[in-house]
Amino acid sequence: IMIRQILCEYLLYHTPVNRVSEGNGRIHVNYLLIFLYSIINGFKSPLHDNNKFLLITILIPLHYPNEMIEWRDQIPILQSYHENLVKCCVELINKDRETVTSNGSLFVLLFKGILQSWPNTREANSGKEVLLLHELETLLSTCSNEEYSQIKSLWLNKWAKSIGSSESNIRIIQKALQMFKNDKIVQ
């Protein structure tokens, strides 16, 4: 418990809400997420409120950074730890599918959190948008019909904006269209 608490405090310190990032200052978060995944994997169902704290105050805010590692390379800082962030989120949601809070299930909370972290057109970050579309595809392929019905309109609005906006980059449009190769999403 002590190691988990120290790790959470460290990750909490590095979330964008609590600290202004300085470019590649979050590269080390990837290694901490690998460690956190092992801890989440050991959680027992149903999750306790302090375990849900991870999703709401640590994992969702780690989606917020909109900076680039190097602007010239157009690589978003999120890319440096996104794969392990997705693993942690999916593992936490799978641990407790029946958890319902006042705001809905953990799946719905995560889905809404990802949509809130979406860069607006003024902050154009096509690399981050492609990563977030990939994460939404991963989440949608694991969700139940009940969960899907709760986020359906939010998801379809975001998807339509991804392919229908005049500001959309070809990479964003391509990823949004490729999502329909996934059988679970087509259903």
N, C-alpha and C. Protein backbone atom coordinates (compact mmCIF):
# COMPACT_ATOMS: atom_id res chain seq x y z
N ILE A 1 0.84 -1.19 0.00
CA ILE A 1 0.00 0.00 0.00
C ILE A 1 0.87 1.24 0.00
N MET A 2 1.98 1.21 0.71
CA MET A 2 2.87 2.36 0.80
C MET A 2 3.47 2.70 -0.58
N ILE A 3 3.89 1.68 -1.32
CA ILE A 3 4.47 1.91 -2.64
C ILE A 3 3.42 2.50 -3.57
N ARG A 4 2.21 1.97 -3.52
CA ARG A 4 1.13 2.47 -4.37
C ARG A 4 0.84 3.93 -4.04
N GLN A 5 0.84 4.26 -2.76
CA GLN A 5 0.57 5.63 -2.32
C GLN A 5 1.65 6.59 -2.82
N ILE A 6 2.90 6.20 -2.71
CA ILE A 6 4.02 7.04 -3.17
C ILE A 6 3.93 7.22 -4.68
N LEU A 7 3.66 6.13 -5.40
CA LEU A 7 3.55 6.19 -6.86
C LEU A 7 2.41 7.12 -7.28
N CYS A 8 1.27 7.00 -6.62
CA CYS A 8 0.12 7.86 -6.95
C CYS A 8 0.44 9.33 -6.68
N GLU A 9 1.11 9.61 -5.57
CA GLU A 9 1.48 10.99 -5.27
C GLU A 9 2.43 11.54 -6.33
N TYR A 10 3.36 10.73 -6.78
CA TYR A 10 4.31 11.17 -7.80
C TYR A 10 3.60 11.43 -9.13
N LEU A 11 2.73 10.49 -9.52
CA LEU A 11 1.98 10.68 -10.77
C LEU A 11 1.04 11.86 -10.66
N LEU A 12 0.43 12.04 -9.51
CA LEU A 12 -0.46 13.17 -9.30
C LEU A 12 0.29 14.49 -9.46
N TYR A 13 1.51 14.53 -8.98
CA TYR A 13 2.34 15.72 -9.11
C TYR A 13 2.61 16.05 -10.58
N HIS A 14 2.70 15.03 -11.41
CA HIS A 14 3.03 15.24 -12.83
C HIS A 14 1.83 15.34 -13.74
N THR A 15 0.62 15.39 -13.19
CA THR A 15 -0.54 15.61 -14.04
C THR A 15 -0.61 17.08 -14.39
N PRO A 16 -1.15 17.41 -15.55
CA PRO A 16 -1.16 18.80 -16.02
C PRO A 16 -1.91 19.75 -15.10
N VAL A 17 -2.85 19.24 -14.33
CA VAL A 17 -3.61 20.10 -13.44
C VAL A 17 -2.71 20.69 -12.36
N ASN A 18 -1.72 19.92 -11.94
CA ASN A 18 -0.88 20.31 -10.82
C ASN A 18 0.47 20.88 -11.21
N ARG A 19 0.86 20.73 -12.45
CA ARG A 19 2.19 21.16 -12.83
C ARG A 19 2.22 21.52 -14.30
N VAL A 20 2.85 22.61 -14.61
CA VAL A 20 3.02 22.98 -16.00
C VAL A 20 4.18 22.16 -16.56
N SER A 21 3.92 21.48 -17.65
CA SER A 21 4.96 20.64 -18.23
C SER A 21 5.95 21.48 -18.99
N GLU A 22 7.17 21.01 -19.00
CA GLU A 22 8.18 21.68 -19.80
C GLU A 22 8.67 20.71 -20.88
N GLY A 23 7.86 20.61 -21.93
CA GLY A 23 8.23 19.79 -23.07
C GLY A 23 8.31 18.32 -22.73
N ASN A 24 9.51 17.75 -22.76
CA ASN A 24 9.68 16.32 -22.55
C ASN A 24 9.81 15.95 -21.07
N GLY A 25 9.31 16.77 -20.18
CA GLY A 25 9.40 16.53 -18.75
C GLY A 25 8.57 15.37 -18.25
N ARG A 26 7.76 14.75 -19.09
CA ARG A 26 6.93 13.64 -18.63
C ARG A 26 7.35 12.30 -19.22
N ILE A 27 8.49 12.22 -19.80
CA ILE A 27 8.95 10.98 -20.43
C ILE A 27 9.00 9.83 -19.41
N HIS A 28 9.40 10.10 -18.20
CA HIS A 28 9.53 9.08 -17.16
C HIS A 28 8.19 8.50 -16.72
N VAL A 29 7.08 9.14 -17.02
CA VAL A 29 5.76 8.67 -16.61
C VAL A 29 5.48 7.29 -17.19
N ASN A 30 6.02 6.98 -18.36
CA ASN A 30 5.82 5.68 -18.99
C ASN A 30 6.27 4.55 -18.06
N TYR A 31 7.43 4.69 -17.45
CA TYR A 31 7.95 3.64 -16.58
C TYR A 31 7.11 3.51 -15.31
N LEU A 32 6.60 4.61 -14.82
CA LEU A 32 5.74 4.57 -13.64
C LEU A 32 4.40 3.90 -13.96
N LEU A 33 3.91 4.10 -15.17
CA LEU A 33 2.66 3.46 -15.58
C LEU A 33 2.84 1.95 -15.74
N ILE A 34 4.00 1.52 -16.17
CA ILE A 34 4.28 0.07 -16.25
C ILE A 34 4.17 -0.54 -14.85
N PHE A 35 4.74 0.14 -13.88
CA PHE A 35 4.70 -0.31 -12.50
C PHE A 35 3.26 -0.25 -11.97
N LEU A 36 2.55 0.81 -12.28
CA LEU A 36 1.17 0.97 -11.83
C LEU A 36 0.27 -0.11 -12.42
N TYR A 37 0.53 -0.52 -13.64
CA TYR A 37 -0.25 -1.58 -14.27
C TYR A 37 -0.16 -2.87 -13.45
N SER A 38 1.03 -3.18 -12.98
CA SER A 38 1.20 -4.38 -12.15
C SER A 38 0.39 -4.27 -10.86
N ILE A 39 0.36 -3.09 -10.29
CA ILE A 39 -0.42 -2.87 -9.07
C ILE A 39 -1.91 -3.01 -9.35
N ILE A 40 -2.38 -2.40 -10.44
CA ILE A 40 -3.81 -2.49 -10.81
C ILE A 40 -4.19 -3.94 -11.09
N ASN A 41 -3.29 -4.67 -11.71
CA ASN A 41 -3.53 -6.08 -12.03
C ASN A 41 -3.77 -6.89 -10.75
N GLY A 42 -3.21 -6.46 -9.64
CA GLY A 42 -3.39 -7.16 -8.38
C GLY A 42 -4.62 -6.75 -7.59
N PHE A 43 -5.35 -5.74 -8.06
CA PHE A 43 -6.57 -5.31 -7.36
C PHE A 43 -7.60 -6.42 -7.39
N LYS A 44 -8.40 -6.48 -6.34
CA LYS A 44 -9.50 -7.44 -6.28
C LYS A 44 -10.80 -6.71 -6.57
N SER A 45 -11.74 -7.43 -7.18
CA SER A 45 -13.05 -6.85 -7.47
C SER A 45 -13.96 -7.09 -6.29
N PRO A 46 -14.87 -6.21 -5.97
CA PRO A 46 -15.07 -4.89 -6.55
C PRO A 46 -14.03 -3.90 -6.05
N LEU A 47 -13.80 -2.90 -6.84
CA LEU A 47 -12.81 -1.89 -6.49
C LEU A 47 -13.29 -1.04 -5.33
N HIS A 48 -12.35 -0.64 -4.50
CA HIS A 48 -12.65 0.29 -3.41
C HIS A 48 -12.57 1.71 -3.95
N ASP A 49 -13.12 2.63 -3.20
CA ASP A 49 -13.11 4.04 -3.62
C ASP A 49 -11.70 4.57 -3.82
N ASN A 50 -10.75 4.14 -2.97
CA ASN A 50 -9.38 4.64 -3.15
C ASN A 50 -8.74 4.08 -4.42
N ASN A 51 -9.22 2.94 -4.93
CA ASN A 51 -8.73 2.42 -6.20
C ASN A 51 -9.32 3.20 -7.37
N LYS A 52 -10.57 3.65 -7.22
CA LYS A 52 -11.22 4.46 -8.25
C LYS A 52 -10.55 5.84 -8.36
N PHE A 53 -9.95 6.26 -7.26
CA PHE A 53 -9.20 7.51 -7.21
C PHE A 53 -8.15 7.55 -8.32
N LEU A 54 -7.54 6.40 -8.61
CA LEU A 54 -6.53 6.31 -9.67
C LEU A 54 -7.07 6.80 -11.00
N LEU A 55 -8.26 6.33 -11.34
CA LEU A 55 -8.84 6.70 -12.63
C LEU A 55 -9.19 8.18 -12.69
N ILE A 56 -9.85 8.65 -11.66
CA ILE A 56 -10.40 10.00 -11.69
C ILE A 56 -9.33 11.09 -11.54
N THR A 57 -8.36 10.86 -10.67
CA THR A 57 -7.39 11.94 -10.40
C THR A 57 -6.01 11.71 -10.99
N ILE A 58 -5.71 10.51 -11.45
CA ILE A 58 -4.39 10.24 -12.01
C ILE A 58 -4.46 9.92 -13.50
N LEU A 59 -5.20 8.88 -13.85
CA LEU A 59 -5.17 8.39 -15.24
C LEU A 59 -5.88 9.32 -16.22
N ILE A 60 -7.05 9.82 -15.87
CA ILE A 60 -7.75 10.73 -16.79
C ILE A 60 -6.94 12.01 -17.02
N PRO A 61 -6.44 12.67 -15.96
CA PRO A 61 -5.65 13.89 -16.22
C PRO A 61 -4.36 13.66 -17.02
N LEU A 62 -3.83 12.44 -17.04
CA LEU A 62 -2.66 12.18 -17.86
C LEU A 62 -2.98 12.24 -19.36
N HIS A 63 -4.25 12.29 -19.72
CA HIS A 63 -4.65 12.46 -21.12
C HIS A 63 -4.59 13.93 -21.55
N TYR A 64 -4.52 14.86 -20.63
CA TYR A 64 -4.67 16.28 -20.93
C TYR A 64 -3.50 16.96 -21.66
N PRO A 65 -2.25 16.56 -21.46
CA PRO A 65 -1.17 17.32 -22.09
C PRO A 65 -1.36 17.46 -23.60
N ASN A 66 -1.16 18.66 -24.08
CA ASN A 66 -1.31 18.92 -25.50
C ASN A 66 0.01 19.39 -26.12
N GLU A 67 1.07 19.28 -25.36
CA GLU A 67 2.37 19.72 -25.86
C GLU A 67 3.01 18.67 -26.77
N MET A 68 4.04 19.08 -27.44
CA MET A 68 4.81 18.18 -28.30
C MET A 68 6.17 17.92 -27.65
N ILE A 69 6.71 16.72 -27.87
CA ILE A 69 8.07 16.43 -27.40
C ILE A 69 9.02 17.37 -28.13
N GLU A 70 8.93 17.35 -29.42
CA GLU A 70 9.66 18.27 -30.29
C GLU A 70 8.67 18.75 -31.35
N TRP A 71 8.45 20.04 -31.42
CA TRP A 71 7.46 20.56 -32.35
C TRP A 71 7.78 20.19 -33.79
N ARG A 72 9.05 20.23 -34.13
CA ARG A 72 9.43 19.94 -35.52
C ARG A 72 9.09 18.52 -35.94
N ASP A 73 9.06 17.59 -34.96
CA ASP A 73 8.74 16.19 -35.27
C ASP A 73 7.26 15.88 -35.16
N GLN A 74 6.48 16.82 -34.58
CA GLN A 74 5.04 16.66 -34.41
C GLN A 74 4.70 15.38 -33.64
N ILE A 75 5.45 15.13 -32.57
CA ILE A 75 5.19 13.98 -31.70
C ILE A 75 4.63 14.50 -30.39
N PRO A 76 3.36 14.18 -30.10
CA PRO A 76 2.77 14.67 -28.86
C PRO A 76 3.41 14.00 -27.64
N ILE A 77 3.49 14.73 -26.54
CA ILE A 77 4.06 14.19 -25.30
C ILE A 77 3.27 12.97 -24.84
N LEU A 78 1.98 12.95 -25.11
CA LEU A 78 1.12 11.83 -24.73
C LEU A 78 1.61 10.52 -25.36
N GLN A 79 2.22 10.59 -26.53
CA GLN A 79 2.68 9.39 -27.21
C GLN A 79 3.77 8.67 -26.42
N SER A 80 4.52 9.39 -25.62
CA SER A 80 5.62 8.77 -24.88
C SER A 80 5.14 7.79 -23.81
N TYR A 81 3.88 7.90 -23.39
CA TYR A 81 3.37 6.98 -22.37
C TYR A 81 1.95 6.48 -22.65
N HIS A 82 1.42 6.77 -23.81
CA HIS A 82 0.02 6.46 -24.11
C HIS A 82 -0.30 4.98 -24.07
N GLU A 83 0.54 4.14 -24.62
CA GLU A 83 0.27 2.70 -24.66
C GLU A 83 0.06 2.14 -23.25
N ASN A 84 0.93 2.51 -22.32
CA ASN A 84 0.80 2.01 -20.96
C ASN A 84 -0.34 2.69 -20.21
N LEU A 85 -0.66 3.91 -20.57
CA LEU A 85 -1.82 4.60 -19.99
C LEU A 85 -3.10 3.86 -20.37
N VAL A 86 -3.22 3.46 -21.63
CA VAL A 86 -4.39 2.73 -22.10
C VAL A 86 -4.49 1.38 -21.38
N LYS A 87 -3.36 0.69 -21.23
CA LYS A 87 -3.36 -0.60 -20.53
C LYS A 87 -3.88 -0.44 -19.10
N CYS A 88 -3.41 0.59 -18.42
CA CYS A 88 -3.85 0.83 -17.04
C CYS A 88 -5.35 1.12 -16.98
N CYS A 89 -5.82 1.96 -17.89
CA CYS A 89 -7.24 2.32 -17.91
C CYS A 89 -8.12 1.11 -18.19
N VAL A 90 -7.76 0.33 -19.19
CA VAL A 90 -8.56 -0.85 -19.56
C VAL A 90 -8.53 -1.88 -18.43
N GLU A 91 -7.39 -2.09 -17.82
CA GLU A 91 -7.28 -3.06 -16.73
C GLU A 91 -8.14 -2.63 -15.54
N LEU A 92 -8.11 -1.35 -15.22
CA LEU A 92 -8.91 -0.84 -14.10
C LEU A 92 -10.40 -1.00 -14.38
N ILE A 93 -10.81 -0.72 -15.60
CA ILE A 93 -12.23 -0.85 -15.96
C ILE A 93 -12.65 -2.31 -15.96
N ASN A 94 -11.79 -3.19 -16.46
CA ASN A 94 -12.12 -4.61 -16.49
C ASN A 94 -12.20 -5.20 -15.08
N LYS A 95 -11.47 -4.63 -14.14
CA LYS A 95 -11.50 -5.13 -12.76
C LYS A 95 -12.86 -4.93 -12.12
N ASP A 96 -13.56 -3.92 -12.53
CA ASP A 96 -14.84 -3.66 -11.90
C ASP A 96 -15.86 -3.11 -12.88
N ARG A 97 -16.46 -3.97 -13.65
CA ARG A 97 -17.46 -3.57 -14.63
C ARG A 97 -18.76 -3.12 -13.99
N GLU A 98 -19.07 -3.60 -12.80
CA GLU A 98 -20.34 -3.27 -12.17
C GLU A 98 -20.30 -2.00 -11.33
N THR A 99 -19.14 -1.40 -11.20
CA THR A 99 -19.02 -0.22 -10.36
C THR A 99 -19.85 0.92 -10.93
N VAL A 100 -20.71 1.49 -10.10
CA VAL A 100 -21.51 2.63 -10.52
C VAL A 100 -21.33 3.73 -9.48
N THR A 101 -20.95 4.90 -9.95
CA THR A 101 -20.82 6.04 -9.06
C THR A 101 -21.96 7.00 -9.38
N SER A 102 -21.95 8.13 -8.74
CA SER A 102 -23.02 9.10 -9.02
C SER A 102 -22.95 9.61 -10.45
N ASN A 103 -21.78 9.50 -11.09
CA ASN A 103 -21.62 9.95 -12.48
C ASN A 103 -21.74 8.82 -13.49
N GLY A 104 -21.99 7.59 -13.04
CA GLY A 104 -22.07 6.45 -13.94
C GLY A 104 -20.90 5.51 -13.71
N SER A 105 -20.75 4.54 -14.60
CA SER A 105 -19.70 3.54 -14.45
C SER A 105 -18.32 4.15 -14.70
N LEU A 106 -17.29 3.42 -14.30
CA LEU A 106 -15.92 3.88 -14.54
C LEU A 106 -15.66 4.03 -16.03
N PHE A 107 -16.24 3.14 -16.84
CA PHE A 107 -16.09 3.23 -18.28
C PHE A 107 -16.60 4.57 -18.79
N VAL A 108 -17.80 4.96 -18.34
CA VAL A 108 -18.40 6.21 -18.79
C VAL A 108 -17.56 7.40 -18.31
N LEU A 109 -17.09 7.34 -17.07
CA LEU A 109 -16.22 8.41 -16.55
C LEU A 109 -14.96 8.56 -17.39
N LEU A 110 -14.34 7.43 -17.73
CA LEU A 110 -13.12 7.48 -18.54
C LEU A 110 -13.43 8.02 -19.93
N PHE A 111 -14.49 7.54 -20.53
CA PHE A 111 -14.85 7.97 -21.89
C PHE A 111 -15.07 9.48 -21.93
N LYS A 112 -15.82 10.00 -20.96
CA LYS A 112 -16.07 11.44 -20.90
C LYS A 112 -14.78 12.20 -20.63
N GLY A 113 -13.91 11.64 -19.79
CA GLY A 113 -12.64 12.28 -19.50
C GLY A 113 -11.76 12.39 -20.73
N ILE A 114 -11.75 11.36 -21.55
CA ILE A 114 -10.97 11.39 -22.79
C ILE A 114 -11.53 12.45 -23.73
N LEU A 115 -12.84 12.52 -23.84
CA LEU A 115 -13.45 13.53 -24.72
C LEU A 115 -13.15 14.94 -24.22
N GLN A 116 -13.07 15.13 -22.91
CA GLN A 116 -12.74 16.45 -22.36
C GLN A 116 -11.29 16.83 -22.64
N SER A 117 -10.44 15.84 -22.80
CA SER A 117 -9.02 16.13 -23.05
C SER A 117 -8.73 16.38 -24.53
N TRP A 118 -9.74 16.30 -25.37
CA TRP A 118 -9.57 16.47 -26.81
C TRP A 118 -9.12 17.89 -27.12
N PRO A 119 -8.09 18.05 -27.93
CA PRO A 119 -7.65 19.40 -28.27
C PRO A 119 -8.69 20.11 -29.13
N ASN A 120 -8.92 21.39 -28.84
CA ASN A 120 -9.85 22.14 -29.68
C ASN A 120 -9.13 22.56 -30.96
N THR A 121 -9.87 23.09 -31.90
CA THR A 121 -9.28 23.41 -33.20
C THR A 121 -8.16 24.44 -33.10
N ARG A 122 -8.24 25.30 -32.09
CA ARG A 122 -7.21 26.31 -31.90
C ARG A 122 -5.87 25.68 -31.50
N GLU A 123 -5.93 24.54 -30.81
CA GLU A 123 -4.72 23.88 -30.32
C GLU A 123 -4.27 22.75 -31.24
N ALA A 124 -4.78 22.65 -32.42
CA ALA A 124 -4.54 21.57 -33.37
C ALA A 124 -3.36 20.67 -33.01
N ASN A 125 -3.68 19.41 -32.73
CA ASN A 125 -2.67 18.42 -32.38
C ASN A 125 -3.14 17.10 -32.96
N SER A 126 -2.90 16.91 -34.25
CA SER A 126 -3.43 15.73 -34.92
C SER A 126 -2.85 14.44 -34.37
N GLY A 127 -1.59 14.45 -33.93
CA GLY A 127 -0.99 13.26 -33.34
C GLY A 127 -1.73 12.82 -32.10
N LYS A 128 -2.06 13.77 -31.25
CA LYS A 128 -2.81 13.45 -30.03
C LYS A 128 -4.21 12.95 -30.37
N GLU A 129 -4.86 13.56 -31.34
CA GLU A 129 -6.20 13.13 -31.72
C GLU A 129 -6.20 11.70 -32.24
N VAL A 130 -5.19 11.32 -33.01
CA VAL A 130 -5.08 9.94 -33.51
C VAL A 130 -4.90 8.98 -32.34
N LEU A 131 -4.07 9.35 -31.36
CA LEU A 131 -3.88 8.51 -30.17
C LEU A 131 -5.19 8.35 -29.40
N LEU A 132 -5.93 9.44 -29.24
CA LEU A 132 -7.19 9.37 -28.51
C LEU A 132 -8.24 8.55 -29.26
N LEU A 133 -8.26 8.67 -30.59
CA LEU A 133 -9.16 7.84 -31.39
C LEU A 133 -8.82 6.36 -31.22
N HIS A 134 -7.53 6.05 -31.19
CA HIS A 134 -7.10 4.67 -30.96
C HIS A 134 -7.58 4.18 -29.59
N GLU A 135 -7.46 5.02 -28.58
CA GLU A 135 -7.89 4.63 -27.25
C GLU A 135 -9.41 4.44 -27.20
N LEU A 136 -10.14 5.32 -27.85
CA LEU A 136 -11.59 5.16 -27.89
C LEU A 136 -11.98 3.85 -28.59
N GLU A 137 -11.26 3.51 -29.64
CA GLU A 137 -11.51 2.25 -30.34
C GLU A 137 -11.27 1.07 -29.41
N THR A 138 -10.19 1.12 -28.65
CA THR A 138 -9.88 0.06 -27.70
C THR A 138 -10.97 -0.06 -26.65
N LEU A 139 -11.41 1.07 -26.12
CA LEU A 139 -12.46 1.05 -25.10
C LEU A 139 -13.79 0.56 -25.67
N LEU A 140 -14.13 1.02 -26.87
CA LEU A 140 -15.39 0.59 -27.48
C LEU A 140 -15.40 -0.90 -27.77
N SER A 141 -14.25 -1.47 -28.07
CA SER A 141 -14.21 -2.90 -28.37
C SER A 141 -14.35 -3.75 -27.11
N THR A 142 -14.23 -3.12 -25.92
CA THR A 142 -14.39 -3.88 -24.68
C THR A 142 -15.67 -3.54 -23.92
N CYS A 143 -16.45 -2.59 -24.41
CA CYS A 143 -17.61 -2.14 -23.62
C CYS A 143 -18.82 -3.04 -23.84
N SER A 144 -19.71 -3.00 -22.86
CA SER A 144 -20.97 -3.75 -22.94
C SER A 144 -22.00 -2.91 -23.70
N ASN A 145 -23.10 -3.53 -24.06
CA ASN A 145 -24.16 -2.81 -24.77
C ASN A 145 -24.74 -1.70 -23.90
N GLU A 146 -24.87 -1.94 -22.61
CA GLU A 146 -25.39 -0.93 -21.69
C GLU A 146 -24.45 0.27 -21.62
N GLU A 147 -23.16 0.01 -21.52
CA GLU A 147 -22.18 1.10 -21.49
C GLU A 147 -22.20 1.87 -22.80
N TYR A 148 -22.30 1.14 -23.91
CA TYR A 148 -22.32 1.80 -25.21
C TYR A 148 -23.54 2.73 -25.34
N SER A 149 -24.68 2.28 -24.84
CA SER A 149 -25.88 3.12 -24.94
C SER A 149 -25.72 4.42 -24.16
N GLN A 150 -24.89 4.41 -23.10
CA GLN A 150 -24.69 5.61 -22.29
C GLN A 150 -23.78 6.63 -22.98
N ILE A 151 -22.88 6.16 -23.83
CA ILE A 151 -21.92 7.08 -24.46
C ILE A 151 -22.13 7.22 -25.96
N LYS A 152 -23.13 6.56 -26.48
CA LYS A 152 -23.35 6.51 -27.94
C LYS A 152 -23.41 7.89 -28.58
N SER A 153 -24.21 8.79 -28.05
CA SER A 153 -24.36 10.11 -28.68
C SER A 153 -23.06 10.92 -28.57
N LEU A 154 -22.38 10.83 -27.43
CA LEU A 154 -21.09 11.53 -27.28
C LEU A 154 -20.08 11.01 -28.30
N TRP A 155 -20.02 9.69 -28.42
CA TRP A 155 -19.07 9.04 -29.32
C TRP A 155 -19.36 9.41 -30.78
N LEU A 156 -20.61 9.31 -31.18
CA LEU A 156 -20.95 9.59 -32.57
C LEU A 156 -20.73 11.06 -32.92
N ASN A 157 -20.99 11.97 -32.00
CA ASN A 157 -20.71 13.39 -32.24
C ASN A 157 -19.22 13.62 -32.44
N LYS A 158 -18.39 13.02 -31.59
CA LYS A 158 -16.94 13.19 -31.72
C LYS A 158 -16.44 12.56 -33.01
N TRP A 159 -16.97 11.38 -33.34
CA TRP A 159 -16.55 10.70 -34.56
C TRP A 159 -16.92 11.53 -35.79
N ALA A 160 -18.14 12.07 -35.80
CA ALA A 160 -18.59 12.88 -36.93
C ALA A 160 -17.71 14.13 -37.08
N LYS A 161 -17.34 14.76 -35.97
CA LYS A 161 -16.47 15.93 -36.03
C LYS A 161 -15.09 15.56 -36.54
N SER A 162 -14.64 14.36 -36.23
CA SER A 162 -13.31 13.92 -36.68
C SER A 162 -13.24 13.76 -38.18
N ILE A 163 -14.31 13.30 -38.80
CA ILE A 163 -14.25 13.11 -40.25
C ILE A 163 -14.92 14.22 -41.03
N GLY A 164 -15.76 15.01 -40.38
CA GLY A 164 -16.51 16.01 -41.11
C GLY A 164 -16.02 17.43 -40.98
N SER A 165 -15.02 17.66 -40.16
CA SER A 165 -14.54 19.01 -39.93
C SER A 165 -13.57 19.45 -41.02
N SER A 166 -13.68 20.68 -41.41
CA SER A 166 -12.75 21.20 -42.42
C SER A 166 -11.34 21.37 -41.84
N GLU A 167 -11.23 21.42 -40.50
CA GLU A 167 -9.91 21.56 -39.87
C GLU A 167 -9.21 20.22 -39.67
N SER A 168 -9.93 19.10 -39.88
CA SER A 168 -9.34 17.78 -39.62
C SER A 168 -8.20 17.47 -40.57
N ASN A 169 -7.18 16.90 -40.01
CA ASN A 169 -6.02 16.44 -40.73
C ASN A 169 -6.36 15.09 -41.37
N ILE A 170 -5.72 14.75 -42.45
CA ILE A 170 -5.99 13.49 -43.14
C ILE A 170 -5.72 12.29 -42.23
N ARG A 171 -4.73 12.39 -41.32
CA ARG A 171 -4.43 11.30 -40.39
C ARG A 171 -5.61 11.04 -39.46
N ILE A 172 -6.27 12.10 -39.01
CA ILE A 172 -7.42 11.97 -38.11
C ILE A 172 -8.58 11.32 -38.85
N ILE A 173 -8.85 11.78 -40.05
CA ILE A 173 -9.94 11.24 -40.86
C ILE A 173 -9.69 9.76 -41.16
N GLN A 174 -8.46 9.44 -41.53
CA GLN A 174 -8.11 8.06 -41.84
C GLN A 174 -8.31 7.15 -40.63
N LYS A 175 -7.85 7.57 -39.44
CA LYS A 175 -8.01 6.76 -38.24
C LYS A 175 -9.48 6.60 -37.88
N ALA A 176 -10.26 7.66 -38.00
CA ALA A 176 -11.69 7.59 -37.69
C ALA A 176 -12.40 6.60 -38.62
N LEU A 177 -12.04 6.60 -39.88
CA LEU A 177 -12.65 5.67 -40.82
C LEU A 177 -12.17 4.23 -40.60
N GLN A 178 -10.90 4.06 -40.23
CA GLN A 178 -10.35 2.73 -39.97
C GLN A 178 -11.01 2.06 -38.77
N MET A 179 -11.58 2.84 -37.89
CA MET A 179 -12.23 2.27 -36.70
C MET A 179 -13.36 1.34 -37.09
N PHE A 180 -13.92 1.51 -38.25
CA PHE A 180 -15.03 0.66 -38.67
C PHE A 180 -14.57 -0.68 -39.22
N LYS A 181 -13.28 -0.94 -39.22
CA LYS A 181 -12.79 -2.29 -39.50
C LYS A 181 -12.97 -3.18 -38.29
N ASN A 182 -13.13 -2.56 -37.13
CA ASN A 182 -13.33 -3.30 -35.89
C ASN A 182 -14.77 -3.80 -35.82
N ASP A 183 -14.95 -5.13 -35.77
CA ASP A 183 -16.29 -5.72 -35.79
C ASP A 183 -17.14 -5.27 -34.62
N LYS A 184 -16.56 -5.11 -33.46
CA LYS A 184 -17.32 -4.72 -32.27
C LYS A 184 -17.94 -3.33 -32.44
N ILE A 185 -17.22 -2.43 -33.08
CA ILE A 185 -17.73 -1.06 -33.28
C ILE A 185 -18.83 -1.05 -34.33
N VAL A 186 -18.71 -1.86 -35.34
CA VAL A 186 -19.71 -1.91 -36.41
C VAL A 186 -21.04 -2.42 -35.91
N GLN A 187 -20.99 -3.34 -34.94
CA GLN A 187 -22.23 -3.89 -34.38
C GLN A 187 -22.97 -2.78 -33.73
